[in-house]
Amino acid sequence: MSAATSPYLERSPEWKLPYRGTVGMACLIIAESAIFTIFVVAYLFYLGKSITGPTPREVLETPIFFTVCLLSSSLTIHLAGKELENGHRRTFMILWSLTIALGALFLFGTALEWRRLIFERGLTISTNLFGTTYYSLVGLHAAHVTVGLVMFGIVLLFGLADRVGIEQSARIGTLSMYWHFVDAVWVVVFTVVYLVGR
């Protein structure tokens, strides 16, 4: 075998740096995961240690519908990104708008739950340890959903102005990473608060 045809002398594919938006978002997700871990551990640590009521079993109702809405939005944002990569702007805009609607529905459900807990059940952040840890953990997640929806709204405005195209696919992918993280965190929060904690 000649040196010219040796497979060991073939050039390996050139390594490229990953997209900096993806790296930045990955670092943010790692940092945010640490914060959420602290809040989840605090919730579990103080579970059942409230001297006075109400308790989770007495006041919490499982938000199944709104959870389905949020988790479905992970699918719609993924499909939206794929459509943009393929140059289908109109379908991208429809799926992107649907993602915003599903996220907004989830936030609406959280607001309804908090209204019921505060005004009908008398559970506030200062009622007992359960109230403090519950509102802190669920509120932290709701804040992340709100930030995501604001970013999505900005993209939607740019899209309506015809300024989102296939060249922005990587940026949309970065936003999708954030949203998948928010949805994954909700799976943990839902399990801890509404299943394990009751």
N, C-alpha and C. Protein backbone atom coordinates (compact mmCIF):
# COMPACT_ATOMS: atom_id res chain seq x y z
N MET A 1 0.85 -1.18 0.00
CA MET A 1 0.00 0.00 0.00
C MET A 1 0.89 1.23 0.00
N SER A 2 0.65 2.13 -0.91
CA SER A 2 1.49 3.33 -1.00
C SER A 2 1.09 4.33 0.07
N ALA A 3 2.03 5.23 0.33
CA ALA A 3 1.77 6.26 1.35
C ALA A 3 0.63 7.16 0.93
N ALA A 4 0.45 7.33 -0.38
CA ALA A 4 -0.59 8.25 -0.86
C ALA A 4 -1.99 7.69 -0.61
N THR A 5 -2.10 6.36 -0.53
CA THR A 5 -3.42 5.77 -0.34
C THR A 5 -3.64 5.26 1.08
N SER A 6 -2.69 5.47 1.96
CA SER A 6 -2.82 5.01 3.33
C SER A 6 -3.96 5.75 4.05
N PRO A 7 -4.85 5.00 4.71
CA PRO A 7 -5.96 5.66 5.41
C PRO A 7 -5.48 6.48 6.60
N TYR A 8 -4.27 6.17 7.09
CA TYR A 8 -3.76 6.91 8.24
C TYR A 8 -3.28 8.30 7.88
N LEU A 9 -3.05 8.52 6.60
CA LEU A 9 -2.57 9.84 6.17
C LEU A 9 -3.70 10.72 5.65
N GLU A 10 -4.92 10.18 5.66
CA GLU A 10 -6.05 11.00 5.21
C GLU A 10 -6.29 12.10 6.22
N ARG A 11 -6.72 13.23 5.72
CA ARG A 11 -6.95 14.36 6.61
C ARG A 11 -8.24 14.14 7.40
N SER A 12 -8.14 14.33 8.69
CA SER A 12 -9.34 14.23 9.53
C SER A 12 -10.16 15.51 9.33
N PRO A 13 -11.48 15.40 9.54
CA PRO A 13 -12.31 16.59 9.38
C PRO A 13 -11.85 17.70 10.31
N GLU A 14 -11.89 18.91 9.79
CA GLU A 14 -11.43 20.05 10.58
C GLU A 14 -12.38 20.29 11.74
N TRP A 15 -11.81 20.41 12.94
CA TRP A 15 -12.62 20.66 14.14
C TRP A 15 -13.01 22.12 14.20
N LYS A 16 -14.28 22.37 14.48
CA LYS A 16 -14.75 23.75 14.58
C LYS A 16 -15.22 24.03 16.00
N LEU A 17 -15.03 25.26 16.42
CA LEU A 17 -15.53 25.67 17.73
C LEU A 17 -17.05 25.60 17.72
N PRO A 18 -17.66 25.17 18.82
CA PRO A 18 -19.13 25.16 18.86
C PRO A 18 -19.66 26.59 18.85
N TYR A 19 -20.89 26.73 18.43
CA TYR A 19 -21.53 28.04 18.38
C TYR A 19 -21.51 28.67 19.78
N ARG A 20 -21.04 29.90 19.88
CA ARG A 20 -20.85 30.51 21.19
C ARG A 20 -22.15 30.71 21.96
N GLY A 21 -23.26 30.88 21.23
CA GLY A 21 -24.56 30.98 21.90
C GLY A 21 -24.92 29.70 22.62
N THR A 22 -24.61 28.57 22.00
CA THR A 22 -24.87 27.27 22.61
C THR A 22 -24.01 27.07 23.85
N VAL A 23 -22.75 27.46 23.76
CA VAL A 23 -21.85 27.34 24.91
C VAL A 23 -22.32 28.23 26.05
N GLY A 24 -22.68 29.47 25.72
CA GLY A 24 -23.17 30.40 26.74
C GLY A 24 -24.43 29.90 27.41
N MET A 25 -25.35 29.38 26.61
CA MET A 25 -26.61 28.87 27.18
C MET A 25 -26.35 27.63 28.04
N ALA A 26 -25.43 26.77 27.61
CA ALA A 26 -25.09 25.59 28.40
C ALA A 26 -24.54 26.00 29.77
N CYS A 27 -23.69 27.03 29.78
CA CYS A 27 -23.14 27.53 31.05
C CYS A 27 -24.24 28.11 31.94
N LEU A 28 -25.16 28.85 31.32
CA LEU A 28 -26.28 29.42 32.08
C LEU A 28 -27.14 28.30 32.68
N ILE A 29 -27.41 27.28 31.89
CA ILE A 29 -28.24 26.16 32.35
C ILE A 29 -27.57 25.44 33.52
N ILE A 30 -26.25 25.27 33.46
CA ILE A 30 -25.54 24.61 34.56
C ILE A 30 -25.67 25.44 35.84
N ALA A 31 -25.49 26.77 35.72
CA ALA A 31 -25.60 27.65 36.88
C ALA A 31 -27.03 27.65 37.44
N GLU A 32 -28.01 27.72 36.55
CA GLU A 32 -29.41 27.74 36.99
C GLU A 32 -29.80 26.40 37.60
N SER A 33 -29.24 25.32 37.11
CA SER A 33 -29.52 24.00 37.68
C SER A 33 -29.07 23.94 39.13
N ALA A 34 -27.93 24.55 39.40
CA ALA A 34 -27.43 24.58 40.78
C ALA A 34 -28.39 25.35 41.68
N ILE A 35 -28.91 26.47 41.18
CA ILE A 35 -29.85 27.28 41.97
C ILE A 35 -31.13 26.49 42.24
N PHE A 36 -31.67 25.87 41.20
CA PHE A 36 -32.89 25.08 41.38
C PHE A 36 -32.66 23.91 42.33
N THR A 37 -31.49 23.31 42.27
CA THR A 37 -31.18 22.20 43.17
C THR A 37 -31.26 22.65 44.63
N ILE A 38 -30.73 23.83 44.91
CA ILE A 38 -30.78 24.37 46.27
C ILE A 38 -32.21 24.55 46.72
N PHE A 39 -33.07 25.09 45.85
CA PHE A 39 -34.46 25.33 46.21
C PHE A 39 -35.23 24.02 46.40
N VAL A 40 -34.94 23.04 45.55
CA VAL A 40 -35.62 21.74 45.67
C VAL A 40 -35.20 21.05 46.97
N VAL A 41 -33.91 21.09 47.28
CA VAL A 41 -33.42 20.47 48.51
C VAL A 41 -34.04 21.17 49.73
N ALA A 42 -34.13 22.49 49.68
CA ALA A 42 -34.74 23.24 50.79
C ALA A 42 -36.20 22.84 50.96
N TYR A 43 -36.92 22.71 49.84
CA TYR A 43 -38.33 22.32 49.90
C TYR A 43 -38.46 20.95 50.57
N LEU A 44 -37.65 19.99 50.12
CA LEU A 44 -37.72 18.64 50.68
C LEU A 44 -37.28 18.60 52.15
N PHE A 45 -36.28 19.41 52.48
CA PHE A 45 -35.77 19.42 53.86
C PHE A 45 -36.83 19.92 54.84
N TYR A 46 -37.57 20.97 54.44
CA TYR A 46 -38.55 21.56 55.34
C TYR A 46 -39.94 20.95 55.21
N LEU A 47 -40.08 19.97 54.33
CA LEU A 47 -41.38 19.33 54.12
C LEU A 47 -41.84 18.64 55.41
N GLY A 48 -43.05 18.97 55.83
CA GLY A 48 -43.60 18.35 57.04
C GLY A 48 -43.12 18.95 58.33
N LYS A 49 -42.33 20.02 58.27
CA LYS A 49 -41.78 20.61 59.49
C LYS A 49 -42.52 21.87 59.92
N SER A 50 -43.61 22.20 59.21
CA SER A 50 -44.39 23.37 59.60
C SER A 50 -45.15 23.08 60.88
N ILE A 51 -45.10 24.00 61.82
CA ILE A 51 -45.79 23.84 63.10
C ILE A 51 -47.29 24.04 62.91
N THR A 52 -47.65 24.96 62.03
CA THR A 52 -49.06 25.24 61.77
C THR A 52 -49.40 24.89 60.33
N GLY A 53 -50.70 24.75 60.06
CA GLY A 53 -51.18 24.45 58.70
C GLY A 53 -51.34 25.72 57.90
N PRO A 54 -51.78 25.58 56.67
CA PRO A 54 -52.19 24.35 56.02
C PRO A 54 -51.01 23.53 55.49
N THR A 55 -51.27 22.27 55.24
CA THR A 55 -50.24 21.37 54.72
C THR A 55 -50.45 21.18 53.21
N PRO A 56 -49.45 20.67 52.50
CA PRO A 56 -49.61 20.44 51.06
C PRO A 56 -50.81 19.55 50.73
N ARG A 57 -51.03 18.51 51.53
CA ARG A 57 -52.14 17.59 51.28
C ARG A 57 -53.49 18.30 51.37
N GLU A 58 -53.57 19.31 52.23
CA GLU A 58 -54.83 20.01 52.45
C GLU A 58 -55.16 21.01 51.35
N VAL A 59 -54.13 21.61 50.73
CA VAL A 59 -54.42 22.74 49.84
C VAL A 59 -54.01 22.57 48.38
N LEU A 60 -53.06 21.69 48.09
CA LEU A 60 -52.56 21.59 46.71
C LEU A 60 -53.46 20.74 45.83
N GLU A 61 -53.67 21.21 44.61
CA GLU A 61 -54.37 20.44 43.59
C GLU A 61 -53.39 20.25 42.43
N THR A 62 -53.34 19.05 41.89
CA THR A 62 -52.36 18.73 40.85
C THR A 62 -52.72 19.41 39.53
N PRO A 63 -51.84 20.29 39.01
CA PRO A 63 -52.13 21.04 37.77
C PRO A 63 -51.79 20.24 36.51
N ILE A 64 -52.53 19.18 36.27
CA ILE A 64 -52.21 18.28 35.16
C ILE A 64 -52.35 18.99 33.81
N PHE A 65 -53.48 19.68 33.59
CA PHE A 65 -53.73 20.33 32.30
C PHE A 65 -52.63 21.33 31.96
N PHE A 66 -52.29 22.18 32.93
CA PHE A 66 -51.29 23.23 32.68
C PHE A 66 -49.89 22.64 32.53
N THR A 67 -49.65 21.52 33.18
CA THR A 67 -48.38 20.81 33.00
C THR A 67 -48.28 20.26 31.58
N VAL A 68 -49.36 19.68 31.09
CA VAL A 68 -49.39 19.18 29.70
C VAL A 68 -49.14 20.33 28.72
N CYS A 69 -49.73 21.49 29.00
CA CYS A 69 -49.51 22.66 28.13
C CYS A 69 -48.03 23.01 28.06
N LEU A 70 -47.38 23.08 29.23
CA LEU A 70 -45.96 23.47 29.26
C LEU A 70 -45.09 22.43 28.56
N LEU A 71 -45.32 21.16 28.85
CA LEU A 71 -44.50 20.12 28.24
C LEU A 71 -44.74 20.03 26.74
N SER A 72 -45.96 20.30 26.30
CA SER A 72 -46.25 20.32 24.86
C SER A 72 -45.50 21.43 24.15
N SER A 73 -45.24 22.53 24.87
CA SER A 73 -44.53 23.65 24.26
C SER A 73 -43.09 23.29 23.90
N SER A 74 -42.53 22.27 24.56
CA SER A 74 -41.19 21.80 24.18
C SER A 74 -41.21 21.20 22.78
N LEU A 75 -42.29 20.50 22.48
CA LEU A 75 -42.44 19.91 21.15
C LEU A 75 -42.64 21.00 20.10
N THR A 76 -43.49 21.97 20.40
CA THR A 76 -43.78 23.01 19.40
C THR A 76 -42.54 23.87 19.11
N ILE A 77 -41.74 24.16 20.14
CA ILE A 77 -40.55 24.98 19.89
C ILE A 77 -39.50 24.19 19.11
N HIS A 78 -39.42 22.90 19.37
CA HIS A 78 -38.49 22.04 18.62
C HIS A 78 -38.90 22.01 17.15
N LEU A 79 -40.18 21.80 16.90
CA LEU A 79 -40.67 21.76 15.52
C LEU A 79 -40.51 23.11 14.84
N ALA A 80 -40.71 24.19 15.59
CA ALA A 80 -40.54 25.53 15.04
C ALA A 80 -39.11 25.74 14.55
N GLY A 81 -38.15 25.31 15.36
CA GLY A 81 -36.74 25.43 14.97
C GLY A 81 -36.43 24.64 13.71
N LYS A 82 -36.97 23.42 13.61
CA LYS A 82 -36.75 22.59 12.42
C LYS A 82 -37.35 23.24 11.18
N GLU A 83 -38.52 23.83 11.34
CA GLU A 83 -39.18 24.49 10.20
C GLU A 83 -38.36 25.69 9.73
N LEU A 84 -37.79 26.43 10.67
CA LEU A 84 -36.98 27.59 10.29
C LEU A 84 -35.72 27.13 9.57
N GLU A 85 -35.10 26.05 10.04
CA GLU A 85 -33.91 25.51 9.38
C GLU A 85 -34.21 25.12 7.93
N ASN A 86 -35.43 24.67 7.70
CA ASN A 86 -35.83 24.26 6.35
C ASN A 86 -36.38 25.42 5.51
N GLY A 87 -36.35 26.61 6.10
CA GLY A 87 -36.78 27.79 5.35
C GLY A 87 -38.27 28.01 5.30
N HIS A 88 -39.03 27.33 6.16
CA HIS A 88 -40.48 27.49 6.18
C HIS A 88 -40.87 28.52 7.24
N ARG A 89 -40.78 29.79 6.89
CA ARG A 89 -41.00 30.87 7.85
C ARG A 89 -42.42 30.90 8.39
N ARG A 90 -43.39 30.69 7.52
CA ARG A 90 -44.80 30.79 7.95
C ARG A 90 -45.11 29.72 8.99
N THR A 91 -44.69 28.49 8.73
CA THR A 91 -44.93 27.41 9.70
C THR A 91 -44.17 27.68 10.99
N PHE A 92 -42.95 28.21 10.87
CA PHE A 92 -42.18 28.58 12.05
C PHE A 92 -42.96 29.57 12.91
N MET A 93 -43.52 30.59 12.28
CA MET A 93 -44.24 31.63 13.03
C MET A 93 -45.48 31.05 13.73
N ILE A 94 -46.16 30.13 13.07
CA ILE A 94 -47.34 29.51 13.68
C ILE A 94 -46.93 28.69 14.90
N LEU A 95 -45.91 27.86 14.74
CA LEU A 95 -45.45 27.03 15.85
C LEU A 95 -44.85 27.86 16.98
N TRP A 96 -44.16 28.93 16.62
CA TRP A 96 -43.58 29.83 17.63
C TRP A 96 -44.68 30.50 18.43
N SER A 97 -45.72 30.96 17.75
CA SER A 97 -46.87 31.58 18.43
C SER A 97 -47.58 30.58 19.33
N LEU A 98 -47.68 29.34 18.87
CA LEU A 98 -48.30 28.29 19.67
C LEU A 98 -47.48 28.01 20.93
N THR A 99 -46.16 28.05 20.81
CA THR A 99 -45.29 27.87 21.97
C THR A 99 -45.55 28.96 23.00
N ILE A 100 -45.66 30.20 22.54
CA ILE A 100 -45.93 31.33 23.44
C ILE A 100 -47.28 31.14 24.11
N ALA A 101 -48.29 30.73 23.34
CA ALA A 101 -49.63 30.54 23.89
C ALA A 101 -49.64 29.45 24.97
N LEU A 102 -48.94 28.35 24.72
CA LEU A 102 -48.89 27.26 25.69
C LEU A 102 -48.16 27.69 26.97
N GLY A 103 -47.06 28.44 26.80
CA GLY A 103 -46.34 28.94 27.97
C GLY A 103 -47.17 29.93 28.77
N ALA A 104 -47.90 30.79 28.05
CA ALA A 104 -48.77 31.76 28.72
C ALA A 104 -49.91 31.06 29.47
N LEU A 105 -50.44 29.99 28.88
CA LEU A 105 -51.48 29.20 29.56
C LEU A 105 -50.95 28.62 30.86
N PHE A 106 -49.71 28.13 30.82
CA PHE A 106 -49.11 27.58 32.03
C PHE A 106 -48.99 28.66 33.11
N LEU A 107 -48.53 29.85 32.73
CA LEU A 107 -48.41 30.94 33.70
C LEU A 107 -49.78 31.34 34.25
N PHE A 108 -50.79 31.34 33.39
CA PHE A 108 -52.14 31.63 33.81
C PHE A 108 -52.59 30.61 34.86
N GLY A 109 -52.28 29.34 34.62
CA GLY A 109 -52.62 28.30 35.58
C GLY A 109 -51.93 28.50 36.92
N THR A 110 -50.67 28.93 36.89
CA THR A 110 -49.94 29.22 38.13
C THR A 110 -50.60 30.37 38.87
N ALA A 111 -50.99 31.41 38.13
CA ALA A 111 -51.66 32.56 38.74
C ALA A 111 -52.99 32.16 39.38
N LEU A 112 -53.75 31.31 38.69
CA LEU A 112 -55.01 30.82 39.25
C LEU A 112 -54.78 30.04 40.54
N GLU A 113 -53.75 29.18 40.52
CA GLU A 113 -53.45 28.39 41.71
C GLU A 113 -53.06 29.27 42.88
N TRP A 114 -52.21 30.25 42.61
CA TRP A 114 -51.78 31.15 43.69
C TRP A 114 -52.95 31.95 44.23
N ARG A 115 -53.83 32.41 43.35
CA ARG A 115 -55.00 33.17 43.80
C ARG A 115 -55.86 32.31 44.73
N ARG A 116 -56.08 31.06 44.34
CA ARG A 116 -56.88 30.15 45.16
C ARG A 116 -56.19 29.89 46.51
N LEU A 117 -54.89 29.65 46.47
CA LEU A 117 -54.17 29.36 47.71
C LEU A 117 -54.16 30.55 48.67
N ILE A 118 -54.00 31.74 48.11
CA ILE A 118 -53.90 32.93 48.97
C ILE A 118 -55.27 33.34 49.50
N PHE A 119 -56.27 33.47 48.62
CA PHE A 119 -57.54 34.04 49.02
C PHE A 119 -58.55 33.03 49.54
N GLU A 120 -58.44 31.77 49.12
CA GLU A 120 -59.39 30.77 49.58
C GLU A 120 -58.82 29.88 50.68
N ARG A 121 -57.52 29.63 50.61
CA ARG A 121 -56.90 28.71 51.58
C ARG A 121 -56.02 29.42 52.60
N GLY A 122 -55.75 30.70 52.40
CA GLY A 122 -54.97 31.47 53.36
C GLY A 122 -53.49 31.11 53.42
N LEU A 123 -52.97 30.53 52.32
CA LEU A 123 -51.55 30.18 52.29
C LEU A 123 -50.77 31.28 51.59
N THR A 124 -49.92 31.96 52.34
CA THR A 124 -49.03 32.98 51.76
C THR A 124 -47.60 32.55 52.01
N ILE A 125 -46.68 33.35 51.52
CA ILE A 125 -45.26 33.02 51.68
C ILE A 125 -44.82 33.09 53.14
N SER A 126 -45.61 33.80 53.98
CA SER A 126 -45.23 33.94 55.40
C SER A 126 -46.12 33.12 56.33
N THR A 127 -47.00 32.29 55.78
CA THR A 127 -47.90 31.49 56.62
C THR A 127 -47.15 30.45 57.44
N ASN A 128 -46.32 29.67 56.78
CA ASN A 128 -45.53 28.63 57.45
C ASN A 128 -44.36 28.24 56.55
N LEU A 129 -43.58 27.25 56.97
CA LEU A 129 -42.42 26.83 56.18
C LEU A 129 -42.83 26.28 54.82
N PHE A 130 -43.94 25.57 54.78
CA PHE A 130 -44.44 25.06 53.50
C PHE A 130 -44.73 26.21 52.55
N GLY A 131 -45.43 27.24 53.02
CA GLY A 131 -45.74 28.39 52.17
C GLY A 131 -44.49 29.07 51.65
N THR A 132 -43.51 29.22 52.53
CA THR A 132 -42.26 29.88 52.13
C THR A 132 -41.53 29.10 51.05
N THR A 133 -41.35 27.81 51.28
CA THR A 133 -40.60 27.01 50.30
C THR A 133 -41.40 26.77 49.03
N TYR A 134 -42.72 26.62 49.15
CA TYR A 134 -43.56 26.40 47.97
C TYR A 134 -43.52 27.61 47.03
N TYR A 135 -43.79 28.79 47.57
CA TYR A 135 -43.81 29.99 46.71
C TYR A 135 -42.42 30.32 46.17
N SER A 136 -41.39 30.01 46.95
CA SER A 136 -40.02 30.28 46.47
C SER A 136 -39.67 29.38 45.29
N LEU A 137 -39.97 28.08 45.41
CA LEU A 137 -39.62 27.13 44.37
C LEU A 137 -40.48 27.31 43.12
N VAL A 138 -41.79 27.33 43.30
CA VAL A 138 -42.69 27.48 42.15
C VAL A 138 -42.55 28.88 41.55
N GLY A 139 -42.33 29.87 42.39
CA GLY A 139 -42.14 31.25 41.90
C GLY A 139 -40.86 31.40 41.09
N LEU A 140 -39.79 30.72 41.52
CA LEU A 140 -38.54 30.76 40.76
C LEU A 140 -38.76 30.18 39.37
N HIS A 141 -39.49 29.09 39.31
CA HIS A 141 -39.77 28.49 38.00
C HIS A 141 -40.64 29.41 37.16
N ALA A 142 -41.67 29.99 37.77
CA ALA A 142 -42.56 30.90 37.03
C ALA A 142 -41.78 32.10 36.49
N ALA A 143 -40.80 32.57 37.25
CA ALA A 143 -39.97 33.69 36.78
C ALA A 143 -39.19 33.29 35.54
N HIS A 144 -38.69 32.06 35.51
CA HIS A 144 -37.95 31.58 34.34
C HIS A 144 -38.86 31.43 33.13
N VAL A 145 -40.09 30.98 33.37
CA VAL A 145 -41.06 30.89 32.26
C VAL A 145 -41.34 32.29 31.71
N THR A 146 -41.51 33.26 32.60
CA THR A 146 -41.78 34.63 32.19
C THR A 146 -40.64 35.20 31.34
N VAL A 147 -39.40 34.97 31.78
CA VAL A 147 -38.25 35.44 31.01
C VAL A 147 -38.25 34.81 29.62
N GLY A 148 -38.53 33.51 29.56
CA GLY A 148 -38.59 32.83 28.28
C GLY A 148 -39.65 33.42 27.36
N LEU A 149 -40.83 33.69 27.92
CA LEU A 149 -41.92 34.24 27.10
C LEU A 149 -41.59 35.65 26.60
N VAL A 150 -40.89 36.43 27.41
CA VAL A 150 -40.47 37.76 26.96
C VAL A 150 -39.52 37.63 25.77
N MET A 151 -38.55 36.72 25.88
CA MET A 151 -37.60 36.51 24.77
C MET A 151 -38.34 36.02 23.52
N PHE A 152 -39.29 35.12 23.71
CA PHE A 152 -40.06 34.59 22.57
C PHE A 152 -40.90 35.69 21.93
N GLY A 153 -41.43 36.57 22.78
CA GLY A 153 -42.21 37.69 22.26
C GLY A 153 -41.38 38.62 21.40
N ILE A 154 -40.13 38.84 21.80
CA ILE A 154 -39.23 39.68 21.01
C ILE A 154 -38.96 39.03 19.65
N VAL A 155 -38.72 37.71 19.66
CA VAL A 155 -38.51 36.98 18.40
C VAL A 155 -39.75 37.09 17.53
N LEU A 156 -40.93 36.96 18.14
CA LEU A 156 -42.17 37.05 17.39
C LEU A 156 -42.31 38.42 16.71
N LEU A 157 -41.96 39.47 17.43
CA LEU A 157 -42.01 40.83 16.84
C LEU A 157 -41.05 40.95 15.66
N PHE A 158 -39.85 40.41 15.82
CA PHE A 158 -38.89 40.42 14.71
C PHE A 158 -39.41 39.59 13.54
N GLY A 159 -40.07 38.49 13.86
CA GLY A 159 -40.63 37.64 12.81
C GLY A 159 -41.74 38.36 12.05
N LEU A 160 -42.58 39.08 12.78
CA LEU A 160 -43.66 39.84 12.13
C LEU A 160 -43.10 40.96 11.26
N ALA A 161 -41.91 41.44 11.62
CA ALA A 161 -41.25 42.48 10.82
C ALA A 161 -40.41 41.86 9.70
N ASP A 162 -40.55 40.54 9.51
CA ASP A 162 -39.84 39.82 8.45
C ASP A 162 -38.32 39.85 8.63
N ARG A 163 -37.89 39.76 9.90
CA ARG A 163 -36.45 39.83 10.17
C ARG A 163 -35.92 38.55 10.80
N VAL A 164 -36.69 37.47 10.71
CA VAL A 164 -36.24 36.17 11.20
C VAL A 164 -36.24 35.21 10.02
N GLY A 165 -35.06 34.70 9.71
CA GLY A 165 -34.93 33.78 8.59
C GLY A 165 -34.03 32.61 8.95
N ILE A 166 -33.69 31.86 7.95
CA ILE A 166 -32.89 30.65 8.17
C ILE A 166 -31.53 30.96 8.80
N GLU A 167 -31.03 32.18 8.58
CA GLU A 167 -29.73 32.55 9.14
C GLU A 167 -29.79 32.72 10.67
N GLN A 168 -30.99 32.81 11.23
CA GLN A 168 -31.13 32.92 12.69
C GLN A 168 -31.42 31.57 13.35
N SER A 169 -31.29 30.49 12.60
CA SER A 169 -31.62 29.16 13.13
C SER A 169 -30.81 28.81 14.38
N ALA A 170 -29.53 29.15 14.39
CA ALA A 170 -28.68 28.82 15.54
C ALA A 170 -29.16 29.57 16.79
N ARG A 171 -29.57 30.82 16.62
CA ARG A 171 -30.06 31.60 17.76
C ARG A 171 -31.37 31.03 18.29
N ILE A 172 -32.22 30.63 17.38
CA ILE A 172 -33.48 30.01 17.79
C ILE A 172 -33.19 28.70 18.53
N GLY A 173 -32.20 27.97 18.07
CA GLY A 173 -31.80 26.74 18.75
C GLY A 173 -31.33 27.00 20.17
N THR A 174 -30.63 28.11 20.36
CA THR A 174 -30.16 28.48 21.70
C THR A 174 -31.33 28.79 22.62
N LEU A 175 -32.32 29.52 22.10
CA LEU A 175 -33.52 29.80 22.90
C LEU A 175 -34.28 28.51 23.21
N SER A 176 -34.28 27.59 22.27
CA SER A 176 -34.95 26.30 22.49
C SER A 176 -34.29 25.54 23.64
N MET A 177 -32.96 25.60 23.72
CA MET A 177 -32.25 24.95 24.82
C MET A 177 -32.76 25.47 26.16
N TYR A 178 -32.91 26.78 26.26
CA TYR A 178 -33.40 27.39 27.50
C TYR A 178 -34.79 26.86 27.84
N TRP A 179 -35.66 26.80 26.83
CA TRP A 179 -37.04 26.39 27.08
C TRP A 179 -37.11 24.91 27.46
N HIS A 180 -36.29 24.08 26.84
CA HIS A 180 -36.26 22.67 27.22
C HIS A 180 -35.79 22.52 28.67
N PHE A 181 -34.85 23.35 29.07
CA PHE A 181 -34.39 23.35 30.46
C PHE A 181 -35.52 23.72 31.40
N VAL A 182 -36.26 24.77 31.06
CA VAL A 182 -37.39 25.22 31.89
C VAL A 182 -38.42 24.10 32.03
N ASP A 183 -38.68 23.41 30.94
CA ASP A 183 -39.65 22.31 30.98
C ASP A 183 -39.12 21.14 31.80
N ALA A 184 -37.84 20.82 31.66
CA ALA A 184 -37.25 19.73 32.44
C ALA A 184 -37.28 20.05 33.94
N VAL A 185 -37.02 21.31 34.27
CA VAL A 185 -37.08 21.72 35.68
C VAL A 185 -38.49 21.55 36.22
N TRP A 186 -39.50 21.86 35.39
CA TRP A 186 -40.87 21.71 35.86
C TRP A 186 -41.20 20.25 36.17
N VAL A 187 -40.65 19.33 35.41
CA VAL A 187 -40.87 17.91 35.69
C VAL A 187 -40.37 17.58 37.10
N VAL A 188 -39.22 18.12 37.45
CA VAL A 188 -38.66 17.90 38.80
C VAL A 188 -39.53 18.58 39.85
N VAL A 189 -39.89 19.86 39.60
CA VAL A 189 -40.70 20.61 40.57
C VAL A 189 -42.07 19.93 40.75
N PHE A 190 -42.68 19.54 39.66
CA PHE A 190 -43.99 18.87 39.71
C PHE A 190 -43.90 17.59 40.54
N THR A 191 -42.85 16.81 40.29
CA THR A 191 -42.67 15.55 41.03
C THR A 191 -42.47 15.80 42.51
N VAL A 192 -41.63 16.78 42.84
CA VAL A 192 -41.32 17.06 44.24
C VAL A 192 -42.51 17.67 44.98
N VAL A 193 -43.17 18.64 44.36
CA VAL A 193 -44.24 19.39 45.05
C VAL A 193 -45.57 18.63 45.04
N TYR A 194 -45.95 18.12 43.88
CA TYR A 194 -47.31 17.58 43.75
C TYR A 194 -47.40 16.06 43.90
N LEU A 195 -46.28 15.35 43.82
CA LEU A 195 -46.33 13.91 43.98
C LEU A 195 -45.65 13.47 45.27
N VAL A 196 -44.34 13.74 45.39
CA VAL A 196 -43.60 13.32 46.58
C VAL A 196 -44.06 14.10 47.82
N GLY A 197 -44.26 15.40 47.65
CA GLY A 197 -44.56 16.27 48.80
C GLY A 197 -45.95 16.15 49.36
N ARG A 198 -46.80 15.33 48.78
CA ARG A 198 -48.17 15.22 49.28
C ARG A 198 -48.35 13.89 49.99
